[in-house]
Amino acid sequence: MSELLEKEELTIALKKCPEWEYELKYITRTIEFEEFMEGIDFVNNVGEIADDAQHHPDIMIKHTKVTIKLTTHDVGGVTDLDIQLAQRIDNLVD
């Protein structure tokens, strides 16, 4: 199991994925697409990498916007697992 990142560690880790923001016990990112189905395709791709990592995000789809929230529920906050998955998700977008 991954360990909870301390505030300083989290600040450093978020430099690796600057599009993500820390909110309470989560890191979040919202991506806007031109078409609804582009967002759905993106969510399907996120699902594949999340399943591969055995680390599953909270996902909200609101028309052309997809919001991803990552946390490690077992430890009650953000861990290296979340940062690694955020980077993999960023690779889908960027």
PDB file of N, CA and C in Angstrom:
ATOM      1  N   MET A   1       0.840  -1.177   0.000  1.00  0.00           N
ATOM      2  CA  MET A   1       0.000   0.000   0.000  1.00  0.00           C
ATOM      3  C   MET A   1       0.885   1.241   0.000  1.00  0.00           C
ATOM      4  N   SER A   2       0.475   2.232  -0.737  1.00  0.00           N
ATOM      5  CA  SER A   2       1.193   3.496  -0.825  1.00  0.00           C
ATOM      6  C   SER A   2       0.932   4.331   0.427  1.00  0.00           C
ATOM      7  N   GLU A   3       1.905   5.170   0.772  1.00  0.00           N
ATOM      8  CA  GLU A   3       1.764   6.033   1.947  1.00  0.00           C
ATOM      9  C   GLU A   3       1.256   7.406   1.549  1.00  0.00           C
ATOM     10  N   LEU A   4       0.512   8.006   2.449  1.00  0.00           N
ATOM     11  CA  LEU A   4      -0.014   9.350   2.268  1.00  0.00           C
ATOM     12  C   LEU A   4       1.135  10.335   2.062  1.00  0.00           C
ATOM     13  N   LEU A   5       1.003  11.187   1.061  1.00  0.00           N
ATOM     14  CA  LEU A   5       2.024  12.202   0.818  1.00  0.00           C
ATOM     15  C   LEU A   5       1.845  13.356   1.797  1.00  0.00           C
ATOM     16  N   GLU A   6       2.933  13.772   2.405  1.00  0.00           N
ATOM     17  CA  GLU A   6       2.907  14.935   3.284  1.00  0.00           C
ATOM     18  C   GLU A   6       2.782  16.187   2.416  1.00  0.00           C
ATOM     19  N   LYS A   7       2.440  17.314   3.023  1.00  0.00           N
ATOM     20  CA  LYS A   7       2.191  18.553   2.281  1.00  0.00           C
ATOM     21  C   LYS A   7       3.353  18.923   1.361  1.00  0.00           C
ATOM     22  N   GLU A   8       4.576  18.883   1.864  1.00  0.00           N
ATOM     23  CA  GLU A   8       5.745  19.250   1.057  1.00  0.00           C
ATOM     24  C   GLU A   8       5.955  18.257  -0.089  1.00  0.00           C
ATOM     25  N   GLU A   9       5.793  16.968   0.195  1.00  0.00           N
ATOM     26  CA  GLU A   9       5.931  15.933  -0.841  1.00  0.00           C
ATOM     27  C   GLU A   9       4.872  16.126  -1.925  1.00  0.00           C
ATOM     28  N   LEU A  10       3.658  16.471  -1.504  1.00  0.00           N
ATOM     29  CA  LEU A  10       2.560  16.678  -2.448  1.00  0.00           C
ATOM     30  C   LEU A  10       2.838  17.882  -3.348  1.00  0.00           C
ATOM     31  N   THR A  11       3.343  18.952  -2.771  1.00  0.00           N
ATOM     32  CA  THR A  11       3.685  20.146  -3.551  1.00  0.00           C
ATOM     33  C   THR A  11       4.709  19.806  -4.622  1.00  0.00           C
ATOM     34  N   ILE A  12       5.720  19.052  -4.268  1.00  0.00           N
ATOM     35  CA  ILE A  12       6.751  18.639  -5.226  1.00  0.00           C
ATOM     36  C   ILE A  12       6.162  17.710  -6.285  1.00  0.00           C
ATOM     37  N   ALA A  13       5.351  16.745  -5.849  1.00  0.00           N
ATOM     38  CA  ALA A  13       4.760  15.769  -6.765  1.00  0.00           C
ATOM     39  C   ALA A  13       3.832  16.438  -7.777  1.00  0.00           C
ATOM     40  N   LEU A  14       3.092  17.454  -7.345  1.00  0.00           N
ATOM     41  CA  LEU A  14       2.161  18.125  -8.254  1.00  0.00           C
ATOM     42  C   LEU A  14       2.868  18.920  -9.341  1.00  0.00           C
ATOM     43  N   LYS A  15       4.143  19.183  -9.168  1.00  0.00           N
ATOM     44  CA  LYS A  15       4.912  19.843 -10.237  1.00  0.00           C
ATOM     45  C   LYS A  15       5.056  18.922 -11.442  1.00  0.00           C
ATOM     46  N   LYS A  16       4.927  17.614 -11.214  1.00  0.00           N
ATOM     47  CA  LYS A  16       4.994  16.638 -12.306  1.00  0.00           C
ATOM     48  C   LYS A  16       3.698  16.632 -13.120  1.00  0.00           C
ATOM     49  N   CYS A  17       2.626  17.110 -12.529  1.00  0.00           N
ATOM     50  CA  CYS A  17       1.330  17.147 -13.221  1.00  0.00           C
ATOM     51  C   CYS A  17       0.640  18.473 -12.873  1.00  0.00           C
ATOM     52  N   PRO A  18       1.108  19.563 -13.484  1.00  0.00           N
ATOM     53  CA  PRO A  18       0.664  20.906 -13.124  1.00  0.00           C
ATOM     54  C   PRO A  18      -0.796  21.228 -13.438  1.00  0.00           C
ATOM     55  N   GLU A  19      -1.452  20.432 -14.246  1.00  0.00           N
ATOM     56  CA  GLU A  19      -2.865  20.675 -14.562  1.00  0.00           C
ATOM     57  C   GLU A  19      -3.794  20.206 -13.444  1.00  0.00           C
ATOM     58  N   TRP A  20      -3.233  19.512 -12.464  1.00  0.00           N
ATOM     59  CA  TRP A  20      -4.025  18.963 -11.369  1.00  0.00           C
ATOM     60  C   TRP A  20      -4.005  19.905 -10.181  1.00  0.00           C
ATOM     61  N   GLU A  21      -5.124  19.933  -9.453  1.00  0.00           N
ATOM     62  CA  GLU A  21      -5.238  20.772  -8.269  1.00  0.00           C
ATOM     63  C   GLU A  21      -5.575  19.906  -7.067  1.00  0.00           C
ATOM     64  N   TYR A  22      -5.049  20.307  -5.922  1.00  0.00           N
ATOM     65  CA  TYR A  22      -5.342  19.603  -4.680  1.00  0.00           C
ATOM     66  C   TYR A  22      -6.602  20.188  -4.049  1.00  0.00           C
ATOM     67  N   GLU A  23      -7.556  19.335  -3.729  1.00  0.00           N
ATOM     68  CA  GLU A  23      -8.801  19.739  -3.074  1.00  0.00           C
ATOM     69  C   GLU A  23      -9.114  18.726  -1.983  1.00  0.00           C
ATOM     70  N   LEU A  24      -9.001  19.176  -0.740  1.00  0.00           N
ATOM     71  CA  LEU A  24      -9.214  18.307   0.420  1.00  0.00           C
ATOM     72  C   LEU A  24      -8.323  17.081   0.331  1.00  0.00           C
ATOM     73  N   LYS A  25      -8.899  15.911   0.101  1.00  0.00           N
ATOM     74  CA  LYS A  25      -8.103  14.676   0.078  1.00  0.00           C
ATOM     75  C   LYS A  25      -7.936  14.126  -1.334  1.00  0.00           C
ATOM     76  N   TYR A  26      -8.165  14.972  -2.336  1.00  0.00           N
ATOM     77  CA  TYR A  26      -8.136  14.555  -3.736  1.00  0.00           C
ATOM     78  C   TYR A  26      -7.215  15.453  -4.551  1.00  0.00           C
ATOM     79  N   ILE A  27      -6.788  14.931  -5.704  1.00  0.00           N
ATOM     80  CA  ILE A  27      -6.287  15.805  -6.757  1.00  0.00           C
ATOM     81  C   ILE A  27      -7.301  15.709  -7.892  1.00  0.00           C
ATOM     82  N   THR A  28      -7.556  16.831  -8.534  1.00  0.00           N
ATOM     83  CA  THR A  28      -8.587  16.873  -9.572  1.00  0.00           C
ATOM     84  C   THR A  28      -8.082  17.571 -10.824  1.00  0.00           C
ATOM     85  N   ARG A  29      -8.687  17.175 -11.922  1.00  0.00           N
ATOM     86  CA  ARG A  29      -8.439  17.845 -13.197  1.00  0.00           C
ATOM     87  C   ARG A  29      -9.713  17.764 -14.027  1.00  0.00           C
ATOM     88  N   THR A  30     -10.052  18.873 -14.672  1.00  0.00           N
ATOM     89  CA  THR A  30     -11.188  18.912 -15.599  1.00  0.00           C
ATOM     90  C   THR A  30     -10.652  19.151 -16.997  1.00  0.00           C
ATOM     91  N   ILE A  31     -11.103  18.314 -17.919  1.00  0.00           N
ATOM     92  CA  ILE A  31     -10.699  18.413 -19.315  1.00  0.00           C
ATOM     93  C   ILE A  31     -11.950  18.685 -20.131  1.00  0.00           C
ATOM     94  N   GLU A  32     -11.869  19.672 -21.013  1.00  0.00           N
ATOM     95  CA  GLU A  32     -13.009  19.983 -21.873  1.00  0.00           C
ATOM     96  C   GLU A  32     -12.710  19.527 -23.300  1.00  0.00           C
ATOM     97  N   PHE A  33     -13.694  18.880 -23.895  1.00  0.00           N
ATOM     98  CA  PHE A  33     -13.584  18.361 -25.251  1.00  0.00           C
ATOM     99  C   PHE A  33     -14.537  19.124 -26.161  1.00  0.00           C
ATOM    100  N   GLU A  34     -14.306  19.038 -27.460  1.00  0.00           N
ATOM    101  CA  GLU A  34     -15.181  19.722 -28.407  1.00  0.00           C
ATOM    102  C   GLU A  34     -16.521  19.007 -28.551  1.00  0.00           C
ATOM    103  N   GLU A  35     -16.486  17.683 -28.463  1.00  0.00           N
ATOM    104  CA  GLU A  35     -17.695  16.883 -28.651  1.00  0.00           C
ATOM    105  C   GLU A  35     -17.900  15.950 -27.468  1.00  0.00           C
ATOM    106  N   PHE A  36     -19.143  15.665 -27.149  1.00  0.00           N
ATOM    107  CA  PHE A  36     -19.490  14.759 -26.053  1.00  0.00           C
ATOM    108  C   PHE A  36     -18.799  13.403 -26.195  1.00  0.00           C
ATOM    109  N   MET A  37     -18.831  12.836 -27.405  1.00  0.00           N
ATOM    110  CA  MET A  37     -18.272  11.498 -27.608  1.00  0.00           C
ATOM    111  C   MET A  37     -16.752  11.467 -27.445  1.00  0.00           C
ATOM    112  N   GLU A  38     -16.069  12.578 -27.658  1.00  0.00           N
ATOM    113  CA  GLU A  38     -14.629  12.639 -27.391  1.00  0.00           C
ATOM    114  C   GLU A  38     -14.372  12.420 -25.901  1.00  0.00           C
ATOM    115  N   GLY A  39     -15.209  13.027 -25.081  1.00  0.00           N
ATOM    116  CA  GLY A  39     -15.097  12.834 -23.641  1.00  0.00           C
ATOM    117  C   GLY A  39     -15.370  11.400 -23.235  1.00  0.00           C
ATOM    118  N   ILE A  40     -16.344  10.785 -23.863  1.00  0.00           N
ATOM    119  CA  ILE A  40     -16.672   9.382 -23.570  1.00  0.00           C
ATOM    120  C   ILE A  40     -15.507   8.480 -23.971  1.00  0.00           C
ATOM    121  N   ASP A  41     -14.919   8.719 -25.124  1.00  0.00           N
ATOM    122  CA  ASP A  41     -13.748   7.937 -25.549  1.00  0.00           C
ATOM    123  C   ASP A  41     -12.599   8.108 -24.559  1.00  0.00           C
ATOM    124  N   PHE A  42     -12.394   9.337 -24.108  1.00  0.00           N
ATOM    125  CA  PHE A  42     -11.354   9.614 -23.119  1.00  0.00           C
ATOM    126  C   PHE A  42     -11.619   8.834 -21.827  1.00  0.00           C
ATOM    127  N   VAL A  43     -12.854   8.864 -21.362  1.00  0.00           N
ATOM    128  CA  VAL A  43     -13.208   8.138 -20.127  1.00  0.00           C
ATOM    129  C   VAL A  43     -12.949   6.640 -20.301  1.00  0.00           C
ATOM    130  N   ASN A  44     -13.270   6.096 -21.452  1.00  0.00           N
ATOM    131  CA  ASN A  44     -12.992   4.677 -21.695  1.00  0.00           C
ATOM    132  C   ASN A  44     -11.492   4.390 -21.629  1.00  0.00           C
ATOM    133  N   ASN A  45     -10.692   5.292 -22.181  1.00  0.00           N
ATOM    134  CA  ASN A  45      -9.234   5.121 -22.116  1.00  0.00           C
ATOM    135  C   ASN A  45      -8.723   5.240 -20.688  1.00  0.00           C
ATOM    136  N   VAL A  46      -9.262   6.190 -19.932  1.00  0.00           N
ATOM    137  CA  VAL A  46      -8.899   6.314 -18.516  1.00  0.00           C
ATOM    138  C   VAL A  46      -9.267   5.037 -17.774  1.00  0.00           C
ATOM    139  N   GLY A  47     -10.433   4.492 -18.080  1.00  0.00           N
ATOM    140  CA  GLY A  47     -10.861   3.252 -17.443  1.00  0.00           C
ATOM    141  C   GLY A  47      -9.884   2.110 -17.666  1.00  0.00           C
ATOM    142  N   GLU A  48      -9.349   2.027 -18.868  1.00  0.00           N
ATOM    143  CA  GLU A  48      -8.391   0.965 -19.178  1.00  0.00           C
ATOM    144  C   GLU A  48      -7.103   1.116 -18.381  1.00  0.00           C
ATOM    145  N   ILE A  49      -6.552   2.339 -18.327  1.00  0.00           N
ATOM    146  CA  ILE A  49      -5.294   2.494 -17.589  1.00  0.00           C
ATOM    147  C   ILE A  49      -5.525   2.396 -16.076  1.00  0.00           C
ATOM    148  N   ALA A  50      -6.682   2.850 -15.614  1.00  0.00           N
ATOM    149  CA  ALA A  50      -6.994   2.742 -14.185  1.00  0.00           C
ATOM    150  C   ALA A  50      -7.151   1.276 -13.790  1.00  0.00           C
ATOM    151  N   ASP A  51      -7.811   0.511 -14.626  1.00  0.00           N
ATOM    152  CA  ASP A  51      -7.984  -0.904 -14.330  1.00  0.00           C
ATOM    153  C   ASP A  51      -6.646  -1.622 -14.339  1.00  0.00           C
ATOM    154  N   ASP A  52      -5.793  -1.262 -15.296  1.00  0.00           N
ATOM    155  CA  ASP A  52      -4.452  -1.831 -15.371  1.00  0.00           C
ATOM    156  C   ASP A  52      -3.660  -1.519 -14.097  1.00  0.00           C
ATOM    157  N   ALA A  53      -3.823  -0.303 -13.578  1.00  0.00           N
ATOM    158  CA  ALA A  53      -3.105   0.118 -12.370  1.00  0.00           C
ATOM    159  C   ALA A  53      -3.797  -0.364 -11.089  1.00  0.00           C
ATOM    160  N   GLN A  54      -5.011  -0.901 -11.228  1.00  0.00           N
ATOM    161  CA  GLN A  54      -5.813  -1.288 -10.068  1.00  0.00           C
ATOM    162  C   GLN A  54      -5.987  -0.114  -9.102  1.00  0.00           C
ATOM    163  N   HIS A  55      -6.219   1.059  -9.684  1.00  0.00           N
ATOM    164  CA  HIS A  55      -6.408   2.290  -8.913  1.00  0.00           C
ATOM    165  C   HIS A  55      -7.449   3.108  -9.661  1.00  0.00           C
ATOM    166  N   HIS A  56      -8.634   3.224  -9.100  1.00  0.00           N
ATOM    167  CA  HIS A  56      -9.778   3.722  -9.854  1.00  0.00           C
ATOM    168  C   HIS A  56     -10.212   5.117  -9.408  1.00  0.00           C
ATOM    169  N   PRO A  57     -10.314   6.050 -10.366  1.00  0.00           N
ATOM    170  CA  PRO A  57     -10.693   7.426 -10.052  1.00  0.00           C
ATOM    171  C   PRO A  57     -12.207   7.605  -9.953  1.00  0.00           C
ATOM    172  N   ASP A  58     -12.593   8.731  -9.395  1.00  0.00           N
ATOM    173  CA  ASP A  58     -13.971   9.192  -9.498  1.00  0.00           C
ATOM    174  C   ASP A  58     -14.030  10.025 -10.774  1.00  0.00           C
ATOM    175  N   ILE A  59     -15.042   9.780 -11.596  1.00  0.00           N
ATOM    176  CA  ILE A  59     -15.160  10.466 -12.879  1.00  0.00           C
ATOM    177  C   ILE A  59     -16.551  11.070 -12.994  1.00  0.00           C
ATOM    178  N   MET A  60     -16.596  12.358 -13.364  1.00  0.00           N
ATOM    179  CA  MET A  60     -17.871  13.014 -13.602  1.00  0.00           C
ATOM    180  C   MET A  60     -17.862  13.556 -15.029  1.00  0.00           C
ATOM    181  N   ILE A  61     -18.922  13.230 -15.766  1.00  0.00           N
ATOM    182  CA  ILE A  61     -19.064  13.720 -17.141  1.00  0.00           C
ATOM    183  C   ILE A  61     -20.216  14.716 -17.149  1.00  0.00           C
ATOM    184  N   LYS A  62     -19.922  15.913 -17.637  1.00  0.00           N
ATOM    185  CA  LYS A  62     -20.948  16.945 -17.743  1.00  0.00           C
ATOM    186  C   LYS A  62     -20.837  17.543 -19.130  1.00  0.00           C
ATOM    187  N   HIS A  63     -21.613  16.998 -20.051  1.00  0.00           N
ATOM    188  CA  HIS A  63     -21.621  17.335 -21.469  1.00  0.00           C
ATOM    189  C   HIS A  63     -20.234  17.179 -22.066  1.00  0.00           C
ATOM    190  N   THR A  64     -19.489  18.239 -22.322  1.00  0.00           N
ATOM    191  CA  THR A  64     -18.172  18.097 -22.945  1.00  0.00           C
ATOM    192  C   THR A  64     -17.028  18.214 -21.933  1.00  0.00           C
ATOM    193  N   LYS A  65     -17.359  18.273 -20.651  1.00  0.00           N
ATOM    194  CA  LYS A  65     -16.336  18.362 -19.606  1.00  0.00           C
ATOM    195  C   LYS A  65     -16.272  17.070 -18.812  1.00  0.00           C
ATOM    196  N   VAL A  66     -15.042  16.610 -18.603  1.00  0.00           N
ATOM    197  CA  VAL A  66     -14.812  15.411 -17.800  1.00  0.00           C
ATOM    198  C   VAL A  66     -13.931  15.815 -16.624  1.00  0.00           C
ATOM    199  N   THR A  67     -14.403  15.532 -15.421  1.00  0.00           N
ATOM    200  CA  THR A  67     -13.625  15.819 -14.217  1.00  0.00           C
ATOM    201  C   THR A  67     -13.178  14.509 -13.607  1.00  0.00           C
ATOM    202  N   ILE A  68     -11.885  14.424 -13.341  1.00  0.00           N
ATOM    203  CA  ILE A  68     -11.278  13.238 -12.729  1.00  0.00           C
ATOM    204  C   ILE A  68     -10.834  13.621 -11.323  1.00  0.00           C
ATOM    205  N   LYS A  69     -11.180  12.791 -10.344  1.00  0.00           N
ATOM    206  CA  LYS A  69     -10.728  12.979  -8.967  1.00  0.00           C
ATOM    207  C   LYS A  69      -9.961  11.728  -8.552  1.00  0.00           C
ATOM    208  N   LEU A  70      -8.760  11.939  -8.026  1.00  0.00           N
ATOM    209  CA  LEU A  70      -7.924  10.821  -7.589  1.00  0.00           C
ATOM    210  C   LEU A  70      -7.621  10.939  -6.102  1.00  0.00           C
ATOM    211  N   THR A  71      -7.737   9.819  -5.410  1.00  0.00           N
ATOM    212  CA  THR A  71      -7.357   9.704  -4.010  1.00  0.00           C
ATOM    213  C   THR A  71      -7.116   8.230  -3.721  1.00  0.00           C
ATOM    214  N   THR A  72      -6.394   7.960  -2.676  1.00  0.00           N
ATOM    215  CA  THR A  72      -6.208   6.582  -2.229  1.00  0.00           C
ATOM    216  C   THR A  72      -7.068   6.410  -0.987  1.00  0.00           C
ATOM    217  N   HIS A  73      -8.219   5.797  -1.173  1.00  0.00           N
ATOM    218  CA  HIS A  73      -9.208   5.684  -0.102  1.00  0.00           C
ATOM    219  C   HIS A  73      -8.661   4.964   1.132  1.00  0.00           C
ATOM    220  N   ASP A  74      -7.810   3.967   0.919  1.00  0.00           N
ATOM    221  CA  ASP A  74      -7.284   3.181   2.044  1.00  0.00           C
ATOM    222  C   ASP A  74      -6.510   4.017   3.055  1.00  0.00           C
ATOM    223  N   VAL A  75      -5.869   5.099   2.591  1.00  0.00           N
ATOM    224  CA  VAL A  75      -5.083   5.939   3.503  1.00  0.00           C
ATOM    225  C   VAL A  75      -5.713   7.317   3.696  1.00  0.00           C
ATOM    226  N   GLY A  76      -6.801   7.596   2.986  1.00  0.00           N
ATOM    227  CA  GLY A  76      -7.527   8.839   3.188  1.00  0.00           C
ATOM    228  C   GLY A  76      -6.892  10.075   2.594  1.00  0.00           C
ATOM    229  N   GLY A  77      -6.229   9.913   1.452  1.00  0.00           N
ATOM    230  CA  GLY A  77      -5.628  11.083   0.812  1.00  0.00           C
ATOM    231  C   GLY A  77      -4.807  10.710  -0.394  1.00  0.00           C
ATOM    232  N   VAL A  78      -3.953  11.631  -0.801  1.00  0.00           N
ATOM    233  CA  VAL A  78      -3.171  11.488  -2.030  1.00  0.00           C
ATOM    234  C   VAL A  78      -1.860  10.762  -1.749  1.00  0.00           C
ATOM    235  N   THR A  79      -1.564   9.787  -2.624  1.00  0.00           N
ATOM    236  CA  THR A  79      -0.336   9.003  -2.534  1.00  0.00           C
ATOM    237  C   THR A  79       0.372   9.021  -3.887  1.00  0.00           C
ATOM    238  N   ASP A  80       1.514   8.354  -3.934  1.00  0.00           N
ATOM    239  CA  ASP A  80       2.242   8.223  -5.205  1.00  0.00           C
ATOM    240  C   ASP A  80       1.386   7.540  -6.270  1.00  0.00           C
ATOM    241  N   LEU A  81       0.504   6.634  -5.870  1.00  0.00           N
ATOM    242  CA  LEU A  81      -0.376   5.966  -6.840  1.00  0.00           C
ATOM    243  C   LEU A  81      -1.216   6.988  -7.596  1.00  0.00           C
ATOM    244  N   ASP A  82      -1.701   7.992  -6.880  1.00  0.00           N
ATOM    245  CA  ASP A  82      -2.526   9.018  -7.509  1.00  0.00           C
ATOM    246  C   ASP A  82      -1.705   9.878  -8.470  1.00  0.00           C
ATOM    247  N   ILE A  83      -0.495  10.227  -8.057  1.00  0.00           N
ATOM    248  CA  ILE A  83       0.380  11.031  -8.912  1.00  0.00           C
ATOM    249  C   ILE A  83       0.733  10.254 -10.179  1.00  0.00           C
ATOM    250  N   GLN A  84       1.058   8.981 -10.035  1.00  0.00           N
ATOM    251  CA  GLN A  84       1.406   8.154 -11.195  1.00  0.00           C
ATOM    252  C   GLN A  84       0.229   8.041 -12.157  1.00  0.00           C
ATOM    253  N   LEU A  85      -0.975   7.832 -11.613  1.00  0.00           N
ATOM    254  CA  LEU A  85      -2.145   7.722 -12.479  1.00  0.00           C
ATOM    255  C   LEU A  85      -2.456   9.069 -13.132  1.00  0.00           C
ATOM    256  N   ALA A  86      -2.285  10.158 -12.411  1.00  0.00           N
ATOM    257  CA  ALA A  86      -2.493  11.497 -12.987  1.00  0.00           C
ATOM    258  C   ALA A  86      -1.557  11.705 -14.180  1.00  0.00           C
ATOM    259  N   GLN A  87      -0.314  11.291 -14.041  1.00  0.00           N
ATOM    260  CA  GLN A  87       0.642  11.440 -15.148  1.00  0.00           C
ATOM    261  C   GLN A  87       0.224  10.601 -16.348  1.00  0.00           C
ATOM    262  N   ARG A  88      -0.266   9.403 -16.098  1.00  0.00           N
ATOM    263  CA  ARG A  88      -0.722   8.549 -17.209  1.00  0.00           C
ATOM    264  C   ARG A  88      -1.941   9.156 -17.893  1.00  0.00           C
ATOM    265  N   ILE A  89      -2.827   9.746 -17.092  1.00  0.00           N
ATOM    266  CA  ILE A  89      -4.007  10.404 -17.656  1.00  0.00           C
ATOM    267  C   ILE A  89      -3.573  11.627 -18.477  1.00  0.00           C
ATOM    268  N   ASP A  90      -2.610  12.383 -17.959  1.00  0.00           N
ATOM    269  CA  ASP A  90      -2.092  13.529 -18.697  1.00  0.00           C
ATOM    270  C   ASP A  90      -1.558  13.112 -20.066  1.00  0.00           C
ATOM    271  N   ASN A  91      -0.924  11.957 -20.128  1.00  0.00           N
ATOM    272  CA  ASN A  91      -0.390  11.466 -21.410  1.00  0.00           C
ATOM    273  C   ASN A  91      -1.495  11.215 -22.413  1.00  0.00           C
ATOM    274  N   LEU A  92      -2.709  10.907 -21.958  1.00  0.00           N
ATOM    275  CA  LEU A  92      -3.839  10.718 -22.875  1.00  0.00           C
ATOM    276  C   LEU A  92      -4.297  12.049 -23.459  1.00  0.00           C
ATOM    277  N   VAL A  93      -4.171  13.109 -22.674  1.00  0.00           N
ATOM    278  CA  VAL A  93      -4.688  14.412 -23.063  1.00  0.00           C
ATOM    279  C   VAL A  93      -3.674  15.213 -23.860  1.00  0.00           C
ATOM    280  N   ASP A  94      -2.444  15.218 -23.385  1.00  0.00           N
ATOM    281  CA  ASP A  94      -1.411  16.089 -23.952  1.00  0.00           C
ATOM    282  C   ASP A  94      -0.737  15.506 -25.183  1.00  0.00           C
TER     283      ASP A  94
END
